[in-house]
Amino acid sequence: LQKVHVLPQTVLYIADAETFSGHEDCHEQKKARKRNSKETAIALEKLLPKRCQVLGLVTPGIVVTPMGSSSNQPQEIEEGEAGFALLFPKIDGVKIHTFHFSKDLKNRVFDESKFAEAGLKNNPDLRVVLLFGYNSWKSGATRFLHQIVNPLNEKSIILAGGQVESFTSLTSENNNAQPGDACGVVGLAFSGPQIQSATVLLDQDVADERTAEAAMQRLKAANIPERNTIGFMFACVGRGYRHYKTKRNMEADAFRKFFPNVPLFGFFGHGEIGCDRIVTGNFVLRECNDIKDDLLHGYTTVMTLIHLGSTK
């Protein structure tokens, strides 16, 4: 039988800062030459189909499940070079698209009509939005992030993500823009009636194995099918083994205990986006109130499940 290859339509890749600012051998000069993130991104994206949507992120640390089997143990890699790529093929009943909003230095008010253009408004099939802010240290970055998050803070949408160091994708709407010169938000939107999702927030009080597993029990209570499901972990750089008194991989291990067949991916960043939001199969929140959720946090971890339906 001939090998069958499924071409990706959307790719999310995340690597730590060391990977994107490392060194490579230069034989002519017989010494190491520092490569920049753009060179690394170009080399990687040349391997992908030209029409593929690509979103690349640079973060301080990585959470990854080594593939070969979805039941492999997920790893929290807080130091050293690491990275991963998630390749999404065409999935019946599911639409995944990238978006990018950069801060307009001339206008303090964000034009919300851009939400509709990106499929984030007037889209009854919108289920999950993964949001990533970049250059959060820039003046006005926090205010701009609020302008993006607040209109999307609806009970029928799962929002999750965090603050990264930078994004490197060359296929965003502003190919010629220099991410280092501005701040903004990039992300992935998942639409489709078959999608199910849920998130839980591990706050600063979650500081040992017992409380970490209690958070995973809340996520398990959402009854999200494990087949065709991806787990995402967005954690603060202040958590990990420092937060858990030198015990490494605490949160990833707690996730694996309750979700033995769900691969887990994510990063350690500079701020988290998400909350406790458990949604039923018909996408109605089990517990609902009129107060909007607080979605922006620090020193927390957001755990998210995205089920893409019973596709083959």
Foldseek 3Di string as FASTA:
>chain_A
DDDDDFAFQEKEKEKEPCVQFDWDADVVVRDTDTHHNQVVQVVVCVVHDPNHHYWYFYAQWKWFADDPALLGFIFTGRDDIDMDMDGHGDFPQKDKDKAKDWDDPVDLADDCVVCVVRVNPPNPQWAEKEKEKEPCVDPCSVVQVCNVVVVNLDLLYFYKYYYGHWIRDCNYPCNPDDGVVTIIMMIMIMGGLQKFKWKAKFALVQAELVSLLVRLVLVVVLVDDLPQKAKEKEFASCPACNSNVNDGPRNSVSNCVSRSRHIYIYTHHHKIFGHGFRAHSSSGTPDDDPDGDDGIGHRMMMMMMMHPHPTD
